[in-house]
């Protein structure tokens, strides 16, 4: 196991679950994701807790008509928005 992987195990983690329980029109995905990013930031613990690993879990189980490509694009776009 690498040293960085060992260090990551010591960091506290915060799980934020996002339910994708509705169909999102492709032209509205960016706006919808900005709302999700705001929700994720609102659930983050205060900075006084120090370095913390944030794990965002996207639950697509109720979005039966959403393609794999669209799900992947949503996850990648969310990651890009969170890393800004």
Protein backbone atom coordinates (compact mmCIF):
# COMPACT_ATOMS: atom_id res chain seq x y z
CA UNK A 1 0.00 0.00 0.00
CA UNK A 2 1.33 3.43 -0.87
CA UNK A 3 2.03 6.05 1.75
CA UNK A 4 -0.68 8.36 0.40
CA UNK A 5 -3.26 5.55 0.64
CA UNK A 6 -2.25 4.97 4.26
CA UNK A 7 -2.63 8.66 5.04
CA UNK A 8 -6.10 8.73 3.47
CA UNK A 9 -7.27 6.02 5.89
CA UNK A 10 -6.50 8.30 8.83
CA UNK A 11 -8.54 11.24 7.52
CA UNK A 12 -12.11 11.56 8.75
CA UNK A 13 -14.72 11.01 6.05
CA UNK A 14 -18.07 12.64 5.38
CA UNK A 15 -20.56 10.78 3.16
CA UNK A 16 -23.02 12.93 1.24
CA UNK A 17 -25.70 10.98 -0.61
CA UNK A 18 -27.42 12.56 -3.60
CA UNK A 19 -30.59 10.88 -4.83
CA UNK A 20 -31.16 11.36 -8.53
CA UNK A 21 -34.83 10.50 -8.35
CA UNK A 22 -36.11 12.40 -11.35
CA UNK A 23 -35.32 12.78 -14.98
CA UNK A 24 -33.14 15.79 -15.72
CA UNK A 25 -33.36 17.24 -19.25
CA UNK A 26 -29.91 17.36 -20.82
CA UNK A 27 -30.12 21.13 -21.40
CA UNK A 28 -30.82 21.67 -17.66
CA UNK A 29 -28.09 19.41 -16.24
CA UNK A 30 -25.59 22.23 -15.54
CA UNK A 31 -28.20 24.23 -13.59
CA UNK A 32 -29.32 21.13 -11.70
CA UNK A 33 -25.70 20.23 -10.86
CA UNK A 34 -25.05 23.72 -9.46
CA UNK A 35 -27.96 23.07 -7.09
CA UNK A 36 -26.40 19.71 -6.11
CA UNK A 37 -22.99 21.37 -5.55
CA UNK A 38 -24.65 23.92 -3.24
CA UNK A 39 -26.28 21.04 -1.33
CA UNK A 40 -22.92 19.25 -0.98
CA UNK A 41 -21.21 22.41 0.29
CA UNK A 42 -24.06 23.01 2.76
CA UNK A 43 -23.55 19.52 4.23
CA UNK A 44 -19.77 19.86 4.64
CA UNK A 45 -18.56 20.13 8.22
CA UNK A 46 -16.92 23.39 9.35
CA UNK A 47 -13.25 23.90 8.46
CA UNK A 48 -12.29 23.72 12.13
CA UNK A 49 -12.47 19.93 11.83
CA UNK A 50 -9.36 20.11 9.65
CA UNK A 51 -8.63 17.96 6.64
CA UNK A 52 -11.59 15.75 5.82
CA UNK A 53 -12.35 13.44 2.92
CA UNK A 54 -15.71 14.15 1.28
CA UNK A 55 -17.38 11.17 -0.42
CA UNK A 56 -20.34 12.00 -2.66
CA UNK A 57 -22.53 9.03 -3.56
CA UNK A 58 -24.90 9.45 -6.49
CA UNK A 59 -27.94 7.16 -6.31
CA UNK A 60 -29.39 6.67 -9.79
CA UNK A 61 -31.60 3.71 -8.84
CA UNK A 62 -34.84 5.62 -9.47
CA UNK A 63 -33.70 7.07 -12.80
CA UNK A 64 -34.43 4.07 -14.96
CA UNK A 65 -34.47 5.90 -18.30
CA UNK A 66 -31.12 7.62 -17.83
CA UNK A 67 -28.34 6.26 -20.05
CA UNK A 68 -24.94 5.21 -18.71
CA UNK A 69 -23.33 7.97 -20.76
CA UNK A 70 -25.58 10.60 -19.18
CA UNK A 71 -24.91 9.25 -15.67
CA UNK A 72 -21.16 9.34 -16.32
CA UNK A 73 -21.39 12.88 -17.67
CA UNK A 74 -23.35 13.96 -14.57
CA UNK A 75 -20.74 12.45 -12.24
CA UNK A 76 -17.81 13.99 -14.14
CA UNK A 77 -19.47 17.40 -14.30
CA UNK A 78 -20.26 17.25 -10.58
CA UNK A 79 -16.64 16.42 -9.83
CA UNK A 80 -15.46 19.34 -11.98
CA UNK A 81 -17.86 21.72 -10.22
CA UNK A 82 -16.76 20.56 -6.76
CA UNK A 83 -13.07 20.94 -7.56
CA UNK A 84 -13.44 24.57 -8.64
